[in-house]
């Protein structure tokens, strides 16, 4: 009767062993997350390097393609196809690294070093940067205005996913490529008017503008169509997509 009162354990109390187990689980999750992120970075670097190397490897093929007389530019250039494939698989930074690396390496093989790879880079850049800007989210988790416009042009509802999944839709991708093409043309016409006379000695402005429009229109079409089919109409993105 006069003994100590019985002590009852509070049901809400957490035992030290439970706390330790929880901490161990959190540490394990953080470690696995770190490994996953590191592995993802390695894969992105690998994709960028492989696509840059392939873009250089096809240079002999590009050298054998007929060129516009007096212009020196090929009717079709497969080099940028690999840059676009890198972008569609891994996102903007993978595409950009592939483009920069490929352009630098091309200086050792291109008949017009510095200028040729630079023009190729400038022409392809809008095809990469504009879709990337369109699909990324803003700080308040809403889609960018550009994506909304593209979705309306494509006559479909705004997609709910991000990154490469959005670009797997033909209409949204096609709409973004059309805008990218217009930006590409607006860039490359004045650039060619300055560079072509300096490199190839062609001074006829009408000739330069005409063939700049023709060549960039054809190349933009192939830069959009072939990589899209390779990445999004095969299991490539489903198995290797990173964004």
C-alpha atoms as a PDB file:
ATOM      1  CA  UNK A   1       0.000   0.000   0.000  1.00  0.00           C
ATOM      2  CA  UNK A   2       2.819   2.396   0.843  1.00  0.00           C
ATOM      3  CA  UNK A   3       5.022   1.322  -2.117  1.00  0.00           C
ATOM      4  CA  UNK A   4       6.053   3.425  -5.081  1.00  0.00           C
ATOM      5  CA  UNK A   5       3.367   4.344  -7.576  1.00  0.00           C
ATOM      6  CA  UNK A   6       3.595   2.438 -10.851  1.00  0.00           C
ATOM      7  CA  UNK A   7       5.163   4.398 -13.698  1.00  0.00           C
ATOM      8  CA  UNK A   8       3.288   4.200 -16.975  1.00  0.00           C
ATOM      9  CA  UNK A   9       5.144   4.883 -20.239  1.00  0.00           C
ATOM     10  CA  UNK A  10       3.631   7.648 -22.304  1.00  0.00           C
ATOM     11  CA  UNK A  11       2.354   6.198 -25.541  1.00  0.00           C
ATOM     12  CA  UNK A  12       3.531   9.313 -27.385  1.00  0.00           C
ATOM     13  CA  UNK A  13       7.114   8.920 -26.196  1.00  0.00           C
ATOM     14  CA  UNK A  14       9.629   7.786 -28.822  1.00  0.00           C
ATOM     15  CA  UNK A  15      12.265   5.390 -27.635  1.00  0.00           C
ATOM     16  CA  UNK A  16      15.949   6.175 -28.320  1.00  0.00           C
ATOM     17  CA  UNK A  17      16.234   3.046 -30.460  1.00  0.00           C
ATOM     18  CA  UNK A  18      13.382   4.240 -32.678  1.00  0.00           C
ATOM     19  CA  UNK A  19      15.061   7.622 -33.071  1.00  0.00           C
ATOM     20  CA  UNK A  20      18.336   5.948 -34.030  1.00  0.00           C
ATOM     21  CA  UNK A  21      16.567   3.736 -36.559  1.00  0.00           C
ATOM     22  CA  UNK A  22      14.859   6.771 -38.067  1.00  0.00           C
ATOM     23  CA  UNK A  23      18.157   8.631 -38.306  1.00  0.00           C
ATOM     24  CA  UNK A  24      19.807   5.619 -39.934  1.00  0.00           C
ATOM     25  CA  UNK A  25      17.011   5.403 -42.491  1.00  0.00           C
ATOM     26  CA  UNK A  26      17.285   9.123 -43.267  1.00  0.00           C
ATOM     27  CA  UNK A  27      21.040   8.861 -43.672  1.00  0.00           C
ATOM     28  CA  UNK A  28      20.618   5.873 -45.969  1.00  0.00           C
ATOM     29  CA  UNK A  29      18.032   7.718 -48.059  1.00  0.00           C
ATOM     30  CA  UNK A  30      20.295  10.772 -48.326  1.00  0.00           C
ATOM     31  CA  UNK A  31      23.238   8.577 -49.311  1.00  0.00           C
ATOM     32  CA  UNK A  32      21.204   6.786 -51.971  1.00  0.00           C
ATOM     33  CA  UNK A  33      19.901  10.119 -53.248  1.00  0.00           C
ATOM     34  CA  UNK A  34      23.459  11.402 -53.511  1.00  0.00           C
ATOM     35  CA  UNK A  35      24.513   8.302 -55.436  1.00  0.00           C
ATOM     36  CA  UNK A  36      21.502   8.671 -57.724  1.00  0.00           C
ATOM     37  CA  UNK A  37      22.304  12.319 -58.465  1.00  0.00           C
ATOM     38  CA  UNK A  38      25.956  11.486 -59.078  1.00  0.00           C
ATOM     39  CA  UNK A  39      24.969   8.661 -61.434  1.00  0.00           C
ATOM     40  CA  UNK A  40      22.614  11.007 -63.279  1.00  0.00           C
ATOM     41  CA  UNK A  41      25.403  13.535 -63.792  1.00  0.00           C
ATOM     42  CA  UNK A  42      27.715  10.829 -65.117  1.00  0.00           C
ATOM     43  CA  UNK A  43      25.049   9.695 -67.585  1.00  0.00           C
ATOM     44  CA  UNK A  44      24.474  13.256 -68.780  1.00  0.00           C
ATOM     45  CA  UNK A  45      28.183  13.826 -69.333  1.00  0.00           C
ATOM     46  CA  UNK A  46      28.401  10.503 -71.179  1.00  0.00           C
ATOM     47  CA  UNK A  47      25.481  11.344 -73.483  1.00  0.00           C
ATOM     48  CA  UNK A  48      26.915  14.793 -74.237  1.00  0.00           C
ATOM     49  CA  UNK A  49      30.352  13.329 -74.997  1.00  0.00           C
ATOM     50  CA  UNK A  50      28.996  10.512 -77.163  1.00  0.00           C
ATOM     51  CA  UNK A  51      26.778  12.805 -79.228  1.00  0.00           C
ATOM     52  CA  UNK A  52      29.576  15.356 -79.651  1.00  0.00           C
ATOM     53  CA  UNK A  53      31.900  12.586 -80.832  1.00  0.00           C
ATOM     54  CA  UNK A  54      29.314  11.235 -83.265  1.00  0.00           C
ATOM     55  CA  UNK A  55      28.749  14.723 -84.672  1.00  0.00           C
ATOM     56  CA  UNK A  56      32.465  14.901 -85.440  1.00  0.00           C
ATOM     57  CA  UNK A  57      32.583  11.308 -86.708  1.00  0.00           C
ATOM     58  CA  UNK A  58      30.089  12.108 -89.484  1.00  0.00           C
ATOM     59  CA  UNK A  59      32.196  15.043 -90.700  1.00  0.00           C
ATOM     60  CA  UNK A  60      33.599  12.979 -93.624  1.00  0.00           C
ATOM     61  CA  UNK A  61      30.016  12.299 -94.707  1.00  0.00           C
ATOM     62  CA  UNK A  62      29.208  15.997 -94.498  1.00  0.00           C
ATOM     63  CA  UNK A  63      32.334  16.776 -96.527  1.00  0.00           C
ATOM     64  CA  UNK A  64      31.027  14.590 -99.358  1.00  0.00           C
ATOM     65  CA  UNK A  65      27.622  16.282 -99.529  1.00  0.00           C
ATOM     66  CA  UNK A  66      27.223  18.764-102.433  1.00  0.00           C
ATOM     67  CA  UNK A  67      27.724  22.404-101.508  1.00  0.00           C
ATOM     68  CA  UNK A  68      26.258  25.585-102.932  1.00  0.00           C
ATOM     69  CA  UNK A  69      28.697  26.882-105.577  1.00  0.00           C
ATOM     70  CA  UNK A  70      30.501  29.938-104.311  1.00  0.00           C
ATOM     71  CA  UNK A  71      28.867  29.598-100.902  1.00  0.00           C
ATOM     72  CA  UNK A  72      30.736  26.629 -99.442  1.00  0.00           C
ATOM     73  CA  UNK A  73      27.782  25.491 -97.314  1.00  0.00           C
ATOM     74  CA  UNK A  74      26.439  21.938 -97.631  1.00  0.00           C
ATOM     75  CA  UNK A  75      22.884  21.333 -98.793  1.00  0.00           C
ATOM     76  CA  UNK A  76      22.397  18.995 -95.821  1.00  0.00           C
ATOM     77  CA  UNK A  77      24.548  18.782 -92.694  1.00  0.00           C
ATOM     78  CA  UNK A  78      24.076  15.768 -90.367  1.00  0.00           C
ATOM     79  CA  UNK A  79      26.330  17.177 -87.639  1.00  0.00           C
ATOM     80  CA  UNK A  80      23.649  19.102 -85.750  1.00  0.00           C
ATOM     81  CA  UNK A  81      21.323  16.084 -85.675  1.00  0.00           C
ATOM     82  CA  UNK A  82      23.403  14.584 -82.879  1.00  0.00           C
ATOM     83  CA  UNK A  83      23.361  17.848 -80.940  1.00  0.00           C
ATOM     84  CA  UNK A  84      19.573  17.877 -81.103  1.00  0.00           C
ATOM     85  CA  UNK A  85      19.398  14.226 -80.055  1.00  0.00           C
ATOM     86  CA  UNK A  86      21.567  15.026 -77.017  1.00  0.00           C
ATOM     87  CA  UNK A  87      19.195  17.856 -76.102  1.00  0.00           C
ATOM     88  CA  UNK A  88      16.043  15.774 -76.463  1.00  0.00           C
ATOM     89  CA  UNK A  89      17.505  12.980 -74.333  1.00  0.00           C
ATOM     90  CA  UNK A  90      19.221  14.952 -71.598  1.00  0.00           C
ATOM     91  CA  UNK A  91      17.903  18.496 -71.643  1.00  0.00           C
ATOM     92  CA  UNK A  92      19.422  21.912 -72.246  1.00  0.00           C
ATOM     93  CA  UNK A  93      22.772  21.503 -70.507  1.00  0.00           C
ATOM     94  CA  UNK A  94      23.458  18.131 -72.101  1.00  0.00           C
ATOM     95  CA  UNK A  95      22.613  19.590 -75.499  1.00  0.00           C
ATOM     96  CA  UNK A  96      24.703  22.698 -74.881  1.00  0.00           C
ATOM     97  CA  UNK A  97      27.759  20.733 -73.727  1.00  0.00           C
ATOM     98  CA  UNK A  98      27.419  18.490 -76.769  1.00  0.00           C
ATOM     99  CA  UNK A  99      27.200  21.527 -79.056  1.00  0.00           C
ATOM    100  CA  UNK A 100      30.177  23.328 -77.528  1.00  0.00           C
ATOM    101  CA  UNK A 101      32.340  20.201 -77.448  1.00  0.00           C
ATOM    102  CA  UNK A 102      31.343  19.226 -80.970  1.00  0.00           C
ATOM    103  CA  UNK A 103      31.948  22.727 -82.329  1.00  0.00           C
ATOM    104  CA  UNK A 104      35.415  22.855 -80.765  1.00  0.00           C
ATOM    105  CA  UNK A 105      36.333  19.423 -82.145  1.00  0.00           C
ATOM    106  CA  UNK A 106      35.018  20.353 -85.592  1.00  0.00           C
ATOM    107  CA  UNK A 107      37.729  22.980 -85.917  1.00  0.00           C
ATOM    108  CA  UNK A 108      40.199  20.165 -86.573  1.00  0.00           C
ATOM    109  CA  UNK A 109      38.169  18.759 -89.481  1.00  0.00           C
ATOM    110  CA  UNK A 110      36.034  21.532 -90.954  1.00  0.00           C
ATOM    111  CA  UNK A 111      37.278  23.139 -94.206  1.00  0.00           C
ATOM    112  CA  UNK A 112      36.555  26.548 -92.656  1.00  0.00           C
ATOM    113  CA  UNK A 113      37.760  26.274 -89.045  1.00  0.00           C
ATOM    114  CA  UNK A 114      36.372  28.682 -86.469  1.00  0.00           C
ATOM    115  CA  UNK A 115      33.801  30.225 -88.812  1.00  0.00           C
ATOM    116  CA  UNK A 116      32.166  26.979 -89.983  1.00  0.00           C
ATOM    117  CA  UNK A 117      31.659  25.453 -86.510  1.00  0.00           C
ATOM    118  CA  UNK A 118      30.630  28.837 -85.103  1.00  0.00           C
ATOM    119  CA  UNK A 119      27.944  29.307 -87.754  1.00  0.00           C
ATOM    120  CA  UNK A 120      26.741  25.760 -87.128  1.00  0.00           C
ATOM    121  CA  UNK A 121      26.538  26.436 -83.399  1.00  0.00           C
ATOM    122  CA  UNK A 122      24.651  29.712 -83.855  1.00  0.00           C
ATOM    123  CA  UNK A 123      22.166  28.133 -86.259  1.00  0.00           C
ATOM    124  CA  UNK A 124      21.401  25.231 -83.920  1.00  0.00           C
ATOM    125  CA  UNK A 125      21.298  27.220 -80.671  1.00  0.00           C
ATOM    126  CA  UNK A 126      17.714  28.582 -81.067  1.00  0.00           C
ATOM    127  CA  UNK A 127      16.476  25.039 -81.730  1.00  0.00           C
ATOM    128  CA  UNK A 128      17.717  24.066 -78.271  1.00  0.00           C
ATOM    129  CA  UNK A 129      17.322  27.108 -76.064  1.00  0.00           C
ATOM    130  CA  UNK A 130      13.766  28.072 -77.012  1.00  0.00           C
ATOM    131  CA  UNK A 131      12.149  24.666 -76.307  1.00  0.00           C
ATOM    132  CA  UNK A 132      14.086  24.516 -73.045  1.00  0.00           C
ATOM    133  CA  UNK A 133      12.809  27.930 -71.982  1.00  0.00           C
ATOM    134  CA  UNK A 134       9.312  26.866 -72.966  1.00  0.00           C
ATOM    135  CA  UNK A 135       9.134  23.687 -70.916  1.00  0.00           C
ATOM    136  CA  UNK A 136      10.858  24.671 -67.712  1.00  0.00           C
ATOM    137  CA  UNK A 137       8.754  25.887 -64.799  1.00  0.00           C
ATOM    138  CA  UNK A 138       8.916  29.364 -63.356  1.00  0.00           C
ATOM    139  CA  UNK A 139       9.530  29.969 -59.668  1.00  0.00           C
ATOM    140  CA  UNK A 140       5.814  29.812 -58.776  1.00  0.00           C
ATOM    141  CA  UNK A 141       5.474  26.363 -60.368  1.00  0.00           C
ATOM    142  CA  UNK A 142       3.523  27.602 -63.369  1.00  0.00           C
ATOM    143  CA  UNK A 143       4.448  26.861 -66.943  1.00  0.00           C
ATOM    144  CA  UNK A 144       6.168  29.630 -68.824  1.00  0.00           C
ATOM    145  CA  UNK A 145       4.075  31.899 -71.006  1.00  0.00           C
ATOM    146  CA  UNK A 146       5.866  30.632 -74.089  1.00  0.00           C
ATOM    147  CA  UNK A 147       4.703  27.074 -73.443  1.00  0.00           C
ATOM    148  CA  UNK A 148       1.125  28.279 -73.040  1.00  0.00           C
ATOM    149  CA  UNK A 149       1.330  30.022 -76.404  1.00  0.00           C
ATOM    150  CA  UNK A 150       2.812  26.925 -78.009  1.00  0.00           C
ATOM    151  CA  UNK A 151       0.069  24.750 -76.533  1.00  0.00           C
ATOM    152  CA  UNK A 152      -2.611  27.081 -77.911  1.00  0.00           C
ATOM    153  CA  UNK A 153      -0.986  27.054 -81.321  1.00  0.00           C
ATOM    154  CA  UNK A 154      -0.960  23.284 -81.143  1.00  0.00           C
ATOM    155  CA  UNK A 155      -4.675  23.331 -80.174  1.00  0.00           C
ATOM    156  CA  UNK A 156      -4.231  21.118 -77.166  1.00  0.00           C
ATOM    157  CA  UNK A 157      -4.352  21.533 -73.420  1.00  0.00           C
ATOM    158  CA  UNK A 158      -1.242  22.589 -71.601  1.00  0.00           C
ATOM    159  CA  UNK A 159       0.743  19.461 -70.707  1.00  0.00           C
ATOM    160  CA  UNK A 160       1.059  18.550 -67.049  1.00  0.00           C
ATOM    161  CA  UNK A 161       4.560  17.073 -67.205  1.00  0.00           C
ATOM    162  CA  UNK A 162       7.916  18.732 -67.658  1.00  0.00           C
ATOM    163  CA  UNK A 163      11.029  18.553 -69.748  1.00  0.00           C
ATOM    164  CA  UNK A 164      11.442  15.980 -72.445  1.00  0.00           C
ATOM    165  CA  UNK A 165       8.007  14.455 -71.847  1.00  0.00           C
ATOM    166  CA  UNK A 166       6.359  17.683 -72.990  1.00  0.00           C
ATOM    167  CA  UNK A 167       8.452  17.718 -76.135  1.00  0.00           C
ATOM    168  CA  UNK A 168       7.307  14.196 -77.002  1.00  0.00           C
ATOM    169  CA  UNK A 169       4.009  15.676 -78.206  1.00  0.00           C
ATOM    170  CA  UNK A 170       4.129  16.321 -81.944  1.00  0.00           C
ATOM    171  CA  UNK A 171       2.045  19.480 -81.930  1.00  0.00           C
ATOM    172  CA  UNK A 172       3.771  21.248 -79.056  1.00  0.00           C
ATOM    173  CA  UNK A 173       7.187  20.250 -80.378  1.00  0.00           C
ATOM    174  CA  UNK A 174       6.243  21.320 -83.894  1.00  0.00           C
ATOM    175  CA  UNK A 175       4.943  24.682 -82.683  1.00  0.00           C
ATOM    176  CA  UNK A 176       8.126  25.336 -80.710  1.00  0.00           C
ATOM    177  CA  UNK A 177      10.268  24.324 -83.674  1.00  0.00           C
ATOM    178  CA  UNK A 178       8.416  26.791 -85.889  1.00  0.00           C
ATOM    179  CA  UNK A 179       9.168  29.627 -83.476  1.00  0.00           C
ATOM    180  CA  UNK A 180      12.773  28.426 -83.187  1.00  0.00           C
ATOM    181  CA  UNK A 181      13.043  28.406 -86.974  1.00  0.00           C
ATOM    182  CA  UNK A 182      11.880  32.021 -87.218  1.00  0.00           C
ATOM    183  CA  UNK A 183      14.434  33.070 -84.610  1.00  0.00           C
ATOM    184  CA  UNK A 184      17.111  31.071 -86.424  1.00  0.00           C
ATOM    185  CA  UNK A 185      16.358  32.804 -89.711  1.00  0.00           C
ATOM    186  CA  UNK A 186      16.320  36.243 -88.105  1.00  0.00           C
ATOM    187  CA  UNK A 187      19.772  35.499 -86.676  1.00  0.00           C
ATOM    188  CA  UNK A 188      21.456  33.762 -89.581  1.00  0.00           C
ATOM    189  CA  UNK A 189      20.513  36.171 -92.382  1.00  0.00           C
ATOM    190  CA  UNK A 190      22.411  39.147 -90.909  1.00  0.00           C
ATOM    191  CA  UNK A 191      25.236  36.891 -89.681  1.00  0.00           C
ATOM    192  CA  UNK A 192      25.719  35.423 -93.159  1.00  0.00           C
ATOM    193  CA  UNK A 193      25.575  38.853 -94.763  1.00  0.00           C
ATOM    194  CA  UNK A 194      28.600  39.753 -92.648  1.00  0.00           C
ATOM    195  CA  UNK A 195      30.531  36.469 -92.622  1.00  0.00           C
ATOM    196  CA  UNK A 196      30.023  35.034 -96.134  1.00  0.00           C
ATOM    197  CA  UNK A 197      31.733  37.913 -98.010  1.00  0.00           C
ATOM    198  CA  UNK A 198      34.645  37.667 -95.597  1.00  0.00           C
ATOM    199  CA  UNK A 199      35.088  33.868 -95.891  1.00  0.00           C
ATOM    200  CA  UNK A 200      33.963  33.000 -99.406  1.00  0.00           C
ATOM    201  CA  UNK A 201      34.171  36.370-101.111  1.00  0.00           C
ATOM    202  CA  UNK A 202      30.493  36.365-102.161  1.00  0.00           C
ATOM    203  CA  UNK A 203      29.147  39.917-102.063  1.00  0.00           C
ATOM    204  CA  UNK A 204      25.748  39.531-103.753  1.00  0.00           C
ATOM    205  CA  UNK A 205      23.342  40.246-100.876  1.00  0.00           C
ATOM    206  CA  UNK A 206      20.356  38.778-102.734  1.00  0.00           C
ATOM    207  CA  UNK A 207      22.259  35.542-103.365  1.00  0.00           C
ATOM    208  CA  UNK A 208      23.328  35.304 -99.715  1.00  0.00           C
ATOM    209  CA  UNK A 209      19.836  35.974 -98.347  1.00  0.00           C
ATOM    210  CA  UNK A 210      18.169  33.534-100.762  1.00  0.00           C
ATOM    211  CA  UNK A 211      20.460  30.630 -99.992  1.00  0.00           C
ATOM    212  CA  UNK A 212      20.535  31.399 -96.279  1.00  0.00           C
ATOM    213  CA  UNK A 213      16.748  31.076 -96.258  1.00  0.00           C
ATOM    214  CA  UNK A 214      16.765  27.894 -98.349  1.00  0.00           C
ATOM    215  CA  UNK A 215      19.540  26.129 -96.469  1.00  0.00           C
ATOM    216  CA  UNK A 216      18.333  27.060 -92.990  1.00  0.00           C
ATOM    217  CA  UNK A 217      14.760  26.093 -93.836  1.00  0.00           C
ATOM    218  CA  UNK A 218      15.822  22.645 -95.016  1.00  0.00           C
ATOM    219  CA  UNK A 219      18.277  22.129 -92.169  1.00  0.00           C
ATOM    220  CA  UNK A 220      15.767  23.281 -89.546  1.00  0.00           C
ATOM    221  CA  UNK A 221      13.285  20.745 -90.874  1.00  0.00           C
ATOM    222  CA  UNK A 222      15.779  17.884 -90.610  1.00  0.00           C
ATOM    223  CA  UNK A 223      17.122  19.115 -87.246  1.00  0.00           C
ATOM    224  CA  UNK A 224      13.592  18.912 -85.862  1.00  0.00           C
ATOM    225  CA  UNK A 225      12.205  15.830 -87.611  1.00  0.00           C
ATOM    226  CA  UNK A 226      15.008  13.260 -87.472  1.00  0.00           C
ATOM    227  CA  UNK A 227      16.003  13.711 -83.791  1.00  0.00           C
ATOM    228  CA  UNK A 228      12.328  13.755 -82.775  1.00  0.00           C
ATOM    229  CA  UNK A 229      11.711  10.433 -84.523  1.00  0.00           C
ATOM    230  CA  UNK A 230      14.914   8.892 -83.137  1.00  0.00           C
ATOM    231  CA  UNK A 231      14.255   9.959 -79.535  1.00  0.00           C
ATOM    232  CA  UNK A 232      10.471  10.040 -79.141  1.00  0.00           C
ATOM    233  CA  UNK A 233       9.216   7.508 -81.672  1.00  0.00           C
ATOM    234  CA  UNK A 234      11.544   4.783 -80.483  1.00  0.00           C
ATOM    235  CA  UNK A 235      12.236   3.477 -76.930  1.00  0.00           C
ATOM    236  CA  UNK A 236      15.229   5.843 -76.611  1.00  0.00           C
ATOM    237  CA  UNK A 237      13.611   8.477 -74.384  1.00  0.00           C
ATOM    238  CA  UNK A 238      11.609   5.914 -72.452  1.00  0.00           C
ATOM    239  CA  UNK A 239      14.816   4.064 -71.541  1.00  0.00           C
ATOM    240  CA  UNK A 240      17.383   6.862 -71.406  1.00  0.00           C
ATOM    241  CA  UNK A 241      15.480  10.141 -70.993  1.00  0.00           C
ATOM    242  CA  UNK A 242      16.915  12.331 -68.211  1.00  0.00           C
ATOM    243  CA  UNK A 243      14.562  15.289 -67.926  1.00  0.00           C
END
